[in-house]
């Protein structure tokens, strides 16, 4: 089944309804396995790959750029696939060169985009995103830097990640009043458990302004896959420590609802959780990562799953704060 493409806001291009997250590349997934996953993802008709310059600085011995480097090596090896994918990366999360400071200063963006282009082995980044808010840098400075990259052709479109409704509205105002390019996409944290940041004001703003939305942590660090049911399960993966905060009454309620809806469709909980995101108002596509072909196949099946109104209502009720 060929996935149906969705316009990604005002970027000028469309993407399949699932984005491959690559923060695990160079962390829990080595380069050969990454190549296998990328090949399978693209061969299945999917086309959006998300990374960041800072992936994966949190791993001992890593300096950042590991994920981009792996993707770049894959593109170099599989050059025919460059025209079949949209490469999305991010800047501003903090790198050794900034002392770990989250910076969206013009000087840093202009320097770091060159490093990302080099690591990725591409001449143009399809979507370049401001990774985190930088309260020390005015929006017009950041947007001016992005404007130069758009004009030079090094970047096709720009977006932001982790902005709240007030921050996003202010960035859009500055862009409009100063004649600068605006963010055309937003990447917020959003899933059945973590709903507060995107629901209501931020979602309404994105819909009103026509922004594309690609959500991250769609499976809540793996919790919504259903493989973590007890404290003992937290040792199952390197992400287990992040999942502990979900092990509470609300989390148990959400997993129970996922089990019911999964049984109705003969699907896995992770597939239902992603399908819920794909059908959520204002969401273009969730980002999800995989460490094996089995996991990837499950993620792709989620794009074929159509939840009923009753399914959505049950999941919404269970996940209500």
C-alpha atoms as a PDB file:
ATOM      1  CA  UNK A   1       0.000   0.000   0.000  1.00  0.00           C
ATOM      2  CA  UNK A   2       1.488   3.333  -1.074  1.00  0.00           C
ATOM      3  CA  UNK A   3       1.111   5.917   1.717  1.00  0.00           C
ATOM      4  CA  UNK A   4      -0.994   8.956   0.885  1.00  0.00           C
ATOM      5  CA  UNK A   5       1.055  12.154   1.030  1.00  0.00           C
ATOM      6  CA  UNK A   6       0.047  15.134   3.148  1.00  0.00           C
ATOM      7  CA  UNK A   7       1.099  18.758   2.511  1.00  0.00           C
ATOM      8  CA  UNK A   8       3.615  19.863   5.159  1.00  0.00           C
ATOM      9  CA  UNK A   9       2.316  23.321   5.940  1.00  0.00           C
ATOM     10  CA  UNK A  10       3.750  25.997   3.680  1.00  0.00           C
ATOM     11  CA  UNK A  11       7.024  24.199   2.972  1.00  0.00           C
ATOM     12  CA  UNK A  12       6.033  23.556  -0.620  1.00  0.00           C
ATOM     13  CA  UNK A  13       6.305  19.794  -0.333  1.00  0.00           C
ATOM     14  CA  UNK A  14       4.260  16.876   0.954  1.00  0.00           C
ATOM     15  CA  UNK A  15       5.277  13.889   3.057  1.00  0.00           C
ATOM     16  CA  UNK A  16       3.970  10.461   3.974  1.00  0.00           C
ATOM     17  CA  UNK A  17       2.051  10.338   7.284  1.00  0.00           C
ATOM     18  CA  UNK A  18       4.974   8.862   9.250  1.00  0.00           C
ATOM     19  CA  UNK A  19       8.424  10.408   9.756  1.00  0.00           C
ATOM     20  CA  UNK A  20      11.387   8.218  10.628  1.00  0.00           C
ATOM     21  CA  UNK A  21      13.105   9.448  13.771  1.00  0.00           C
ATOM     22  CA  UNK A  22      16.838   8.827  13.840  1.00  0.00           C
ATOM     23  CA  UNK A  23      17.907   9.876  17.328  1.00  0.00           C
ATOM     24  CA  UNK A  24      18.705   6.185  17.914  1.00  0.00           C
ATOM     25  CA  UNK A  25      21.285   6.130  15.086  1.00  0.00           C
ATOM     26  CA  UNK A  26      24.738   6.073  16.628  1.00  0.00           C
ATOM     27  CA  UNK A  27      23.193   5.290  20.008  1.00  0.00           C
ATOM     28  CA  UNK A  28      21.222   2.042  20.189  1.00  0.00           C
ATOM     29  CA  UNK A  29      21.435   1.393  16.433  1.00  0.00           C
ATOM     30  CA  UNK A  30      24.743   0.920  14.635  1.00  0.00           C
ATOM     31  CA  UNK A  31      25.466   2.088  11.084  1.00  0.00           C
ATOM     32  CA  UNK A  32      24.772  -1.194   9.216  1.00  0.00           C
ATOM     33  CA  UNK A  33      21.408  -1.588  10.968  1.00  0.00           C
ATOM     34  CA  UNK A  34      20.613   2.073  10.296  1.00  0.00           C
ATOM     35  CA  UNK A  35      21.251   1.522   6.586  1.00  0.00           C
ATOM     36  CA  UNK A  36      18.912  -1.482   6.610  1.00  0.00           C
ATOM     37  CA  UNK A  37      16.161   0.507   8.332  1.00  0.00           C
ATOM     38  CA  UNK A  38      16.538   3.479   5.980  1.00  0.00           C
ATOM     39  CA  UNK A  39      16.402   1.231   2.919  1.00  0.00           C
ATOM     40  CA  UNK A  40      13.283  -0.550   4.152  1.00  0.00           C
ATOM     41  CA  UNK A  41      11.562   2.723   5.087  1.00  0.00           C
ATOM     42  CA  UNK A  42      12.144   4.318   1.679  1.00  0.00           C
ATOM     43  CA  UNK A  43      11.443   1.129  -0.280  1.00  0.00           C
ATOM     44  CA  UNK A  44       8.025   1.022   1.434  1.00  0.00           C
ATOM     45  CA  UNK A  45       7.204   4.421  -0.061  1.00  0.00           C
ATOM     46  CA  UNK A  46       7.974   6.647   2.920  1.00  0.00           C
ATOM     47  CA  UNK A  47      10.019   9.771   2.452  1.00  0.00           C
ATOM     48  CA  UNK A  48      10.638  11.920   5.544  1.00  0.00           C
ATOM     49  CA  UNK A  49      13.688  11.458   7.772  1.00  0.00           C
ATOM     50  CA  UNK A  50      14.198  13.584  10.892  1.00  0.00           C
ATOM     51  CA  UNK A  51      17.485  14.123  12.707  1.00  0.00           C
ATOM     52  CA  UNK A  52      19.436  16.881  14.501  1.00  0.00           C
ATOM     53  CA  UNK A  53      23.003  18.080  14.777  1.00  0.00           C
ATOM     54  CA  UNK A  54      23.013  17.180  18.480  1.00  0.00           C
ATOM     55  CA  UNK A  55      22.099  13.495  18.024  1.00  0.00           C
ATOM     56  CA  UNK A  56      23.557  11.884  20.038  1.00  0.00           C
ATOM     57  CA  UNK A  57      25.577  14.046  22.419  1.00  0.00           C
ATOM     58  CA  UNK A  58      24.115  12.236  25.443  1.00  0.00           C
ATOM     59  CA  UNK A  59      25.982   9.037  24.622  1.00  0.00           C
ATOM     60  CA  UNK A  60      29.381   8.780  26.347  1.00  0.00           C
ATOM     61  CA  UNK A  61      32.106   9.391  23.781  1.00  0.00           C
ATOM     62  CA  UNK A  62      29.806  11.036  21.216  1.00  0.00           C
ATOM     63  CA  UNK A  63      30.222  14.654  20.150  1.00  0.00           C
ATOM     64  CA  UNK A  64      26.982  15.169  18.229  1.00  0.00           C
ATOM     65  CA  UNK A  65      26.487  14.705  14.517  1.00  0.00           C
ATOM     66  CA  UNK A  66      26.553  10.908  14.738  1.00  0.00           C
ATOM     67  CA  UNK A  67      23.021  10.496  13.380  1.00  0.00           C
ATOM     68  CA  UNK A  68      23.565  12.993  10.560  1.00  0.00           C
ATOM     69  CA  UNK A  69      26.816  11.251   9.663  1.00  0.00           C
ATOM     70  CA  UNK A  70      25.136   7.863   9.385  1.00  0.00           C
ATOM     71  CA  UNK A  71      22.355   9.298   7.212  1.00  0.00           C
ATOM     72  CA  UNK A  72      24.965  11.046   5.069  1.00  0.00           C
ATOM     73  CA  UNK A  73      26.932   7.834   4.632  1.00  0.00           C
ATOM     74  CA  UNK A  74      23.715   6.098   3.588  1.00  0.00           C
ATOM     75  CA  UNK A  75      22.899   8.821   1.066  1.00  0.00           C
ATOM     76  CA  UNK A  76      26.419   8.643  -0.314  1.00  0.00           C
ATOM     77  CA  UNK A  77      26.073   4.874  -0.698  1.00  0.00           C
ATOM     78  CA  UNK A  78      22.509   5.100  -2.037  1.00  0.00           C
ATOM     79  CA  UNK A  79      22.691   8.349  -3.997  1.00  0.00           C
ATOM     80  CA  UNK A  80      19.717   7.403  -6.167  1.00  0.00           C
ATOM     81  CA  UNK A  81      17.502   7.684  -3.083  1.00  0.00           C
ATOM     82  CA  UNK A  82      18.324  11.336  -2.379  1.00  0.00           C
ATOM     83  CA  UNK A  83      15.513  12.533  -4.632  1.00  0.00           C
ATOM     84  CA  UNK A  84      13.085  10.174  -2.887  1.00  0.00           C
ATOM     85  CA  UNK A  85      13.511  11.563   0.619  1.00  0.00           C
ATOM     86  CA  UNK A  86      13.046  14.789   2.535  1.00  0.00           C
ATOM     87  CA  UNK A  87      15.882  15.355   4.982  1.00  0.00           C
ATOM     88  CA  UNK A  88      14.897  17.273   8.109  1.00  0.00           C
ATOM     89  CA  UNK A  89      17.448  18.331  10.682  1.00  0.00           C
ATOM     90  CA  UNK A  90      17.680  20.770  13.563  1.00  0.00           C
ATOM     91  CA  UNK A  91      20.062  23.313  15.045  1.00  0.00           C
ATOM     92  CA  UNK A  92      20.236  24.961  18.455  1.00  0.00           C
ATOM     93  CA  UNK A  93      20.114  22.098  20.926  1.00  0.00           C
ATOM     94  CA  UNK A  94      23.630  22.635  22.204  1.00  0.00           C
ATOM     95  CA  UNK A  95      26.881  21.224  20.887  1.00  0.00           C
ATOM     96  CA  UNK A  96      30.450  21.033  22.241  1.00  0.00           C
ATOM     97  CA  UNK A  97      31.336  24.154  20.222  1.00  0.00           C
ATOM     98  CA  UNK A  98      28.718  26.166  22.158  1.00  0.00           C
ATOM     99  CA  UNK A  99      29.630  24.621  25.487  1.00  0.00           C
ATOM    100  CA  UNK A 100      26.334  22.812  25.409  1.00  0.00           C
ATOM    101  CA  UNK A 101      24.379  26.096  25.289  1.00  0.00           C
ATOM    102  CA  UNK A 102      21.176  26.100  23.287  1.00  0.00           C
ATOM    103  CA  UNK A 103      21.955  28.805  20.736  1.00  0.00           C
ATOM    104  CA  UNK A 104      20.039  30.214  17.777  1.00  0.00           C
ATOM    105  CA  UNK A 105      22.479  33.079  17.245  1.00  0.00           C
ATOM    106  CA  UNK A 106      23.174  34.013  13.620  1.00  0.00           C
ATOM    107  CA  UNK A 107      26.881  33.173  13.900  1.00  0.00           C
ATOM    108  CA  UNK A 108      26.189  29.682  15.203  1.00  0.00           C
ATOM    109  CA  UNK A 109      23.442  28.870  12.648  1.00  0.00           C
ATOM    110  CA  UNK A 110      25.608  29.981   9.720  1.00  0.00           C
ATOM    111  CA  UNK A 111      28.512  27.862  10.987  1.00  0.00           C
ATOM    112  CA  UNK A 112      26.541  24.790  11.972  1.00  0.00           C
ATOM    113  CA  UNK A 113      24.474  24.481   8.801  1.00  0.00           C
ATOM    114  CA  UNK A 114      27.727  23.930   6.919  1.00  0.00           C
ATOM    115  CA  UNK A 115      28.632  21.088   9.266  1.00  0.00           C
ATOM    116  CA  UNK A 116      25.188  19.504   8.877  1.00  0.00           C
ATOM    117  CA  UNK A 117      25.378  19.752   5.077  1.00  0.00           C
ATOM    118  CA  UNK A 118      28.819  18.152   5.158  1.00  0.00           C
ATOM    119  CA  UNK A 119      27.783  15.338   7.483  1.00  0.00           C
ATOM    120  CA  UNK A 120      24.606  14.648   5.495  1.00  0.00           C
ATOM    121  CA  UNK A 121      26.368  14.758   2.103  1.00  0.00           C
ATOM    122  CA  UNK A 122      23.626  16.991   0.691  1.00  0.00           C
ATOM    123  CA  UNK A 123      23.650  20.374  -1.014  1.00  0.00           C
ATOM    124  CA  UNK A 124      20.340  21.409   0.521  1.00  0.00           C
ATOM    125  CA  UNK A 125      18.451  20.569   3.706  1.00  0.00           C
ATOM    126  CA  UNK A 126      14.735  20.169   3.023  1.00  0.00           C
ATOM    127  CA  UNK A 127      13.561  21.344   6.446  1.00  0.00           C
ATOM    128  CA  UNK A 128      15.904  23.162   8.844  1.00  0.00           C
ATOM    129  CA  UNK A 129      14.419  23.549  12.311  1.00  0.00           C
ATOM    130  CA  UNK A 130      15.213  25.665  15.363  1.00  0.00           C
ATOM    131  CA  UNK A 131      15.485  22.905  17.956  1.00  0.00           C
ATOM    132  CA  UNK A 132      14.837  24.779  21.228  1.00  0.00           C
ATOM    133  CA  UNK A 133      13.887  28.318  22.206  1.00  0.00           C
ATOM    134  CA  UNK A 134      16.849  30.638  22.795  1.00  0.00           C
ATOM    135  CA  UNK A 135      15.781  33.484  25.105  1.00  0.00           C
ATOM    136  CA  UNK A 136      19.124  35.249  24.540  1.00  0.00           C
ATOM    137  CA  UNK A 137      18.699  35.656  20.777  1.00  0.00           C
ATOM    138  CA  UNK A 138      15.964  37.865  19.240  1.00  0.00           C
ATOM    139  CA  UNK A 139      13.654  36.172  16.741  1.00  0.00           C
ATOM    140  CA  UNK A 140      14.672  38.599  14.005  1.00  0.00           C
ATOM    141  CA  UNK A 141      18.322  37.583  14.324  1.00  0.00           C
ATOM    142  CA  UNK A 142      17.492  33.892  14.040  1.00  0.00           C
ATOM    143  CA  UNK A 143      15.019  34.397  11.190  1.00  0.00           C
ATOM    144  CA  UNK A 144      17.480  36.639   9.337  1.00  0.00           C
ATOM    145  CA  UNK A 145      20.059  33.856   9.515  1.00  0.00           C
ATOM    146  CA  UNK A 146      17.508  31.390   8.170  1.00  0.00           C
ATOM    147  CA  UNK A 147      16.565  33.898   5.461  1.00  0.00           C
ATOM    148  CA  UNK A 148      20.149  33.903   4.209  1.00  0.00           C
ATOM    149  CA  UNK A 149      20.147  30.112   4.073  1.00  0.00           C
ATOM    150  CA  UNK A 150      16.868  30.053   2.155  1.00  0.00           C
ATOM    151  CA  UNK A 151      18.131  32.672  -0.297  1.00  0.00           C
ATOM    152  CA  UNK A 152      21.384  30.798  -0.882  1.00  0.00           C
ATOM    153  CA  UNK A 153      19.512  27.547  -1.503  1.00  0.00           C
ATOM    154  CA  UNK A 154      21.161  25.694   1.367  1.00  0.00           C
ATOM    155  CA  UNK A 155      17.774  25.240   3.027  1.00  0.00           C
ATOM    156  CA  UNK A 156      14.405  24.648   1.378  1.00  0.00           C
ATOM    157  CA  UNK A 157      12.083  25.489   4.302  1.00  0.00           C
ATOM    158  CA  UNK A 158      12.342  26.346   7.994  1.00  0.00           C
ATOM    159  CA  UNK A 159      10.507  25.203  11.079  1.00  0.00           C
ATOM    160  CA  UNK A 160      10.678  25.265  14.848  1.00  0.00           C
ATOM    161  CA  UNK A 161      10.542  22.737  17.635  1.00  0.00           C
ATOM    162  CA  UNK A 162       9.494  22.995  21.276  1.00  0.00           C
ATOM    163  CA  UNK A 163       7.917  26.458  21.092  1.00  0.00           C
ATOM    164  CA  UNK A 164       4.821  27.121  23.170  1.00  0.00           C
ATOM    165  CA  UNK A 165       1.849  29.046  21.794  1.00  0.00           C
ATOM    166  CA  UNK A 166       3.127  32.416  22.982  1.00  0.00           C
ATOM    167  CA  UNK A 167       6.611  31.885  21.571  1.00  0.00           C
ATOM    168  CA  UNK A 168       5.330  30.646  18.230  1.00  0.00           C
ATOM    169  CA  UNK A 169       2.872  33.548  17.934  1.00  0.00           C
ATOM    170  CA  UNK A 170       5.659  36.035  18.685  1.00  0.00           C
ATOM    171  CA  UNK A 171       7.974  34.477  16.084  1.00  0.00           C
ATOM    172  CA  UNK A 172       5.210  34.695  13.483  1.00  0.00           C
ATOM    173  CA  UNK A 173       4.552  38.331  14.399  1.00  0.00           C
ATOM    174  CA  UNK A 174       8.220  39.260  14.052  1.00  0.00           C
ATOM    175  CA  UNK A 175       8.457  37.508  10.688  1.00  0.00           C
ATOM    176  CA  UNK A 176       5.355  39.286   9.402  1.00  0.00           C
ATOM    177  CA  UNK A 177       6.301  42.753  10.642  1.00  0.00           C
ATOM    178  CA  UNK A 178       9.948  42.600   9.535  1.00  0.00           C
ATOM    179  CA  UNK A 179       9.391  40.877   6.212  1.00  0.00           C
ATOM    180  CA  UNK A 180      11.308  37.770   7.231  1.00  0.00           C
ATOM    181  CA  UNK A 181      10.522  34.131   6.423  1.00  0.00           C
ATOM    182  CA  UNK A 182       8.367  32.472   9.036  1.00  0.00           C
ATOM    183  CA  UNK A 183       8.473  29.029  10.546  1.00  0.00           C
ATOM    184  CA  UNK A 184       6.304  26.813   8.336  1.00  0.00           C
ATOM    185  CA  UNK A 185       6.327  23.809  10.653  1.00  0.00           C
ATOM    186  CA  UNK A 186       6.320  22.968  14.336  1.00  0.00           C
ATOM    187  CA  UNK A 187       7.728  19.895  16.032  1.00  0.00           C
ATOM    188  CA  UNK A 188       6.095  19.547  19.468  1.00  0.00           C
ATOM    189  CA  UNK A 189       6.201  16.712  21.952  1.00  0.00           C
ATOM    190  CA  UNK A 190       2.812  15.023  21.680  1.00  0.00           C
ATOM    191  CA  UNK A 191       1.385  11.586  22.351  1.00  0.00           C
ATOM    192  CA  UNK A 192      -1.492   9.950  24.182  1.00  0.00           C
ATOM    193  CA  UNK A 193       0.185  10.601  27.519  1.00  0.00           C
ATOM    194  CA  UNK A 194       1.950  13.930  26.891  1.00  0.00           C
ATOM    195  CA  UNK A 195      -0.897  16.066  25.608  1.00  0.00           C
ATOM    196  CA  UNK A 196      -0.729  19.330  27.559  1.00  0.00           C
ATOM    197  CA  UNK A 197       1.937  21.069  25.434  1.00  0.00           C
ATOM    198  CA  UNK A 198       0.074  20.804  22.132  1.00  0.00           C
ATOM    199  CA  UNK A 199      -3.618  20.506  22.963  1.00  0.00           C
ATOM    200  CA  UNK A 200      -5.743  23.642  22.810  1.00  0.00           C
ATOM    201  CA  UNK A 201      -3.854  26.945  22.236  1.00  0.00           C
ATOM    202  CA  UNK A 202      -0.811  25.613  20.358  1.00  0.00           C
ATOM    203  CA  UNK A 203      -2.839  23.275  18.155  1.00  0.00           C
ATOM    204  CA  UNK A 204      -5.351  26.036  17.400  1.00  0.00           C
ATOM    205  CA  UNK A 205      -2.555  28.421  16.432  1.00  0.00           C
ATOM    206  CA  UNK A 206      -0.939  25.886  14.108  1.00  0.00           C
ATOM    207  CA  UNK A 207      -4.242  25.146  12.403  1.00  0.00           C
ATOM    208  CA  UNK A 208      -5.128  28.833  12.078  1.00  0.00           C
ATOM    209  CA  UNK A 209      -1.723  29.687  10.593  1.00  0.00           C
ATOM    210  CA  UNK A 210      -1.569  26.604   8.369  1.00  0.00           C
ATOM    211  CA  UNK A 211       1.617  25.194   9.893  1.00  0.00           C
ATOM    212  CA  UNK A 212       2.681  21.621   9.290  1.00  0.00           C
ATOM    213  CA  UNK A 213       3.035  19.660  12.529  1.00  0.00           C
ATOM    214  CA  UNK A 214       5.368  16.710  12.990  1.00  0.00           C
ATOM    215  CA  UNK A 215       5.132  15.407  16.532  1.00  0.00           C
ATOM    216  CA  UNK A 216       7.948  13.739  18.439  1.00  0.00           C
ATOM    217  CA  UNK A 217       7.969  11.125  21.225  1.00  0.00           C
ATOM    218  CA  UNK A 218       4.873   9.668  19.579  1.00  0.00           C
ATOM    219  CA  UNK A 219       5.263   6.490  21.638  1.00  0.00           C
ATOM    220  CA  UNK A 220       6.331   8.261  24.851  1.00  0.00           C
ATOM    221  CA  UNK A 221       9.851   6.791  24.732  1.00  0.00           C
ATOM    222  CA  UNK A 222       8.360   3.363  24.059  1.00  0.00           C
ATOM    223  CA  UNK A 223       5.847   3.335  26.919  1.00  0.00           C
ATOM    224  CA  UNK A 224       2.873   3.306  24.543  1.00  0.00           C
ATOM    225  CA  UNK A 225       4.227   0.183  22.841  1.00  0.00           C
ATOM    226  CA  UNK A 226       2.922  -1.693  25.860  1.00  0.00           C
ATOM    227  CA  UNK A 227       6.217  -3.440  26.594  1.00  0.00           C
ATOM    228  CA  UNK A 228       6.601  -1.622  29.911  1.00  0.00           C
ATOM    229  CA  UNK A 229       3.960  -2.916  32.307  1.00  0.00           C
ATOM    230  CA  UNK A 230       5.890  -3.014  35.584  1.00  0.00           C
ATOM    231  CA  UNK A 231       8.942  -1.497  37.229  1.00  0.00           C
ATOM    232  CA  UNK A 232      10.881  -4.645  36.308  1.00  0.00           C
ATOM    233  CA  UNK A 233      10.227  -3.981  32.614  1.00  0.00           C
ATOM    234  CA  UNK A 234      12.203  -0.729  32.742  1.00  0.00           C
ATOM    235  CA  UNK A 235      15.447  -2.672  32.335  1.00  0.00           C
ATOM    236  CA  UNK A 236      14.361  -3.871  28.877  1.00  0.00           C
ATOM    237  CA  UNK A 237      16.069  -1.045  26.980  1.00  0.00           C
ATOM    238  CA  UNK A 238      18.314   2.001  27.229  1.00  0.00           C
ATOM    239  CA  UNK A 239      15.187   4.161  27.289  1.00  0.00           C
ATOM    240  CA  UNK A 240      13.745   2.436  30.337  1.00  0.00           C
ATOM    241  CA  UNK A 241      14.779   5.208  32.685  1.00  0.00           C
ATOM    242  CA  UNK A 242      12.715   7.753  30.752  1.00  0.00           C
ATOM    243  CA  UNK A 243       9.622   5.570  30.992  1.00  0.00           C
ATOM    244  CA  UNK A 244       9.457   5.436  34.795  1.00  0.00           C
ATOM    245  CA  UNK A 245       7.450   8.684  34.994  1.00  0.00           C
ATOM    246  CA  UNK A 246       4.621   7.082  32.984  1.00  0.00           C
ATOM    247  CA  UNK A 247       4.187   4.211  35.405  1.00  0.00           C
ATOM    248  CA  UNK A 248       1.191   5.553  37.284  1.00  0.00           C
ATOM    249  CA  UNK A 249      -2.598   5.269  37.386  1.00  0.00           C
ATOM    250  CA  UNK A 250      -3.114   7.415  34.283  1.00  0.00           C
ATOM    251  CA  UNK A 251      -0.479   5.517  32.357  1.00  0.00           C
ATOM    252  CA  UNK A 252      -2.097   2.205  33.282  1.00  0.00           C
ATOM    253  CA  UNK A 253      -5.469   3.558  32.153  1.00  0.00           C
ATOM    254  CA  UNK A 254      -4.048   4.575  28.763  1.00  0.00           C
ATOM    255  CA  UNK A 255      -2.424   1.176  28.238  1.00  0.00           C
ATOM    256  CA  UNK A 256      -5.719  -0.543  29.080  1.00  0.00           C
ATOM    257  CA  UNK A 257      -7.538   1.547  26.465  1.00  0.00           C
ATOM    258  CA  UNK A 258      -4.818   0.804  23.913  1.00  0.00           C
ATOM    259  CA  UNK A 259      -5.226  -2.911  24.638  1.00  0.00           C
ATOM    260  CA  UNK A 260      -8.968  -2.726  23.979  1.00  0.00           C
ATOM    261  CA  UNK A 261      -8.627  -0.791  20.719  1.00  0.00           C
ATOM    262  CA  UNK A 262      -5.708  -2.964  19.603  1.00  0.00           C
ATOM    263  CA  UNK A 263      -7.807  -6.097  20.099  1.00  0.00           C
ATOM    264  CA  UNK A 264     -10.613  -4.612  18.004  1.00  0.00           C
ATOM    265  CA  UNK A 265      -8.254  -4.125  15.059  1.00  0.00           C
ATOM    266  CA  UNK A 266      -5.847  -7.013  15.533  1.00  0.00           C
ATOM    267  CA  UNK A 267      -3.077  -4.426  15.911  1.00  0.00           C
ATOM    268  CA  UNK A 268      -0.251  -3.674  18.319  1.00  0.00           C
ATOM    269  CA  UNK A 269      -0.607  -0.898  20.940  1.00  0.00           C
ATOM    270  CA  UNK A 270       2.167   1.121  19.277  1.00  0.00           C
ATOM    271  CA  UNK A 271       0.296   1.003  15.979  1.00  0.00           C
ATOM    272  CA  UNK A 272      -2.879   2.297  17.607  1.00  0.00           C
ATOM    273  CA  UNK A 273      -1.001   5.065  19.452  1.00  0.00           C
ATOM    274  CA  UNK A 274       0.517   6.277  16.182  1.00  0.00           C
ATOM    275  CA  UNK A 275      -2.761   5.951  14.285  1.00  0.00           C
ATOM    276  CA  UNK A 276      -4.382   8.151  16.945  1.00  0.00           C
ATOM    277  CA  UNK A 277      -1.733  10.798  16.254  1.00  0.00           C
ATOM    278  CA  UNK A 278      -2.159  10.543  12.488  1.00  0.00           C
ATOM    279  CA  UNK A 279      -5.877  11.193  12.877  1.00  0.00           C
ATOM    280  CA  UNK A 280      -5.446  13.996  15.434  1.00  0.00           C
ATOM    281  CA  UNK A 281      -6.594  17.437  14.198  1.00  0.00           C
ATOM    282  CA  UNK A 282      -3.706  19.593  13.064  1.00  0.00           C
ATOM    283  CA  UNK A 283      -1.100  16.813  13.003  1.00  0.00           C
ATOM    284  CA  UNK A 284       0.645  16.177   9.683  1.00  0.00           C
ATOM    285  CA  UNK A 285       2.694  13.180  10.795  1.00  0.00           C
ATOM    286  CA  UNK A 286       4.206  11.711  13.943  1.00  0.00           C
ATOM    287  CA  UNK A 287       7.901  10.926  14.218  1.00  0.00           C
ATOM    288  CA  UNK A 288       8.783   7.420  15.386  1.00  0.00           C
ATOM    289  CA  UNK A 289      12.044   5.515  15.582  1.00  0.00           C
ATOM    290  CA  UNK A 290      12.804   1.825  15.217  1.00  0.00           C
ATOM    291  CA  UNK A 291      15.760  -0.337  16.163  1.00  0.00           C
ATOM    292  CA  UNK A 292      14.839  -3.379  14.075  1.00  0.00           C
ATOM    293  CA  UNK A 293      12.985  -4.303  10.893  1.00  0.00           C
ATOM    294  CA  UNK A 294      10.260  -5.925  13.015  1.00  0.00           C
ATOM    295  CA  UNK A 295       9.667  -2.652  14.859  1.00  0.00           C
ATOM    296  CA  UNK A 296       9.735  -0.681  11.616  1.00  0.00           C
ATOM    297  CA  UNK A 297       7.177  -2.963   9.968  1.00  0.00           C
ATOM    298  CA  UNK A 298       4.846  -2.343  12.907  1.00  0.00           C
ATOM    299  CA  UNK A 299       5.273   1.436  12.611  1.00  0.00           C
ATOM    300  CA  UNK A 300       4.454   1.318   8.915  1.00  0.00           C
ATOM    301  CA  UNK A 301       1.321  -0.750   9.559  1.00  0.00           C
ATOM    302  CA  UNK A 302       0.051   2.098  11.712  1.00  0.00           C
ATOM    303  CA  UNK A 303      -0.396   4.203   8.571  1.00  0.00           C
ATOM    304  CA  UNK A 304      -2.968   1.712   7.275  1.00  0.00           C
ATOM    305  CA  UNK A 305      -4.975   1.616  10.501  1.00  0.00           C
ATOM    306  CA  UNK A 306      -8.228   3.586  10.548  1.00  0.00           C
ATOM    307  CA  UNK A 307      -9.601   4.201  14.022  1.00  0.00           C
ATOM    308  CA  UNK A 308     -13.349   4.621  14.468  1.00  0.00           C
ATOM    309  CA  UNK A 309     -14.943   7.511  16.315  1.00  0.00           C
ATOM    310  CA  UNK A 310     -15.563   5.122  19.230  1.00  0.00           C
ATOM    311  CA  UNK A 311     -11.883   4.140  19.246  1.00  0.00           C
ATOM    312  CA  UNK A 312     -10.772   7.759  19.367  1.00  0.00           C
ATOM    313  CA  UNK A 313     -13.299   8.592  22.090  1.00  0.00           C
ATOM    314  CA  UNK A 314     -12.081   5.713  24.263  1.00  0.00           C
ATOM    315  CA  UNK A 315      -8.452   6.758  23.869  1.00  0.00           C
ATOM    316  CA  UNK A 316      -9.280  10.411  24.508  1.00  0.00           C
ATOM    317  CA  UNK A 317     -11.205   9.551  27.668  1.00  0.00           C
ATOM    318  CA  UNK A 318      -8.427   7.339  29.011  1.00  0.00           C
ATOM    319  CA  UNK A 319      -5.753   9.945  28.309  1.00  0.00           C
ATOM    320  CA  UNK A 320      -7.622  12.916  29.747  1.00  0.00           C
ATOM    321  CA  UNK A 321      -5.493  14.625  32.388  1.00  0.00           C
END
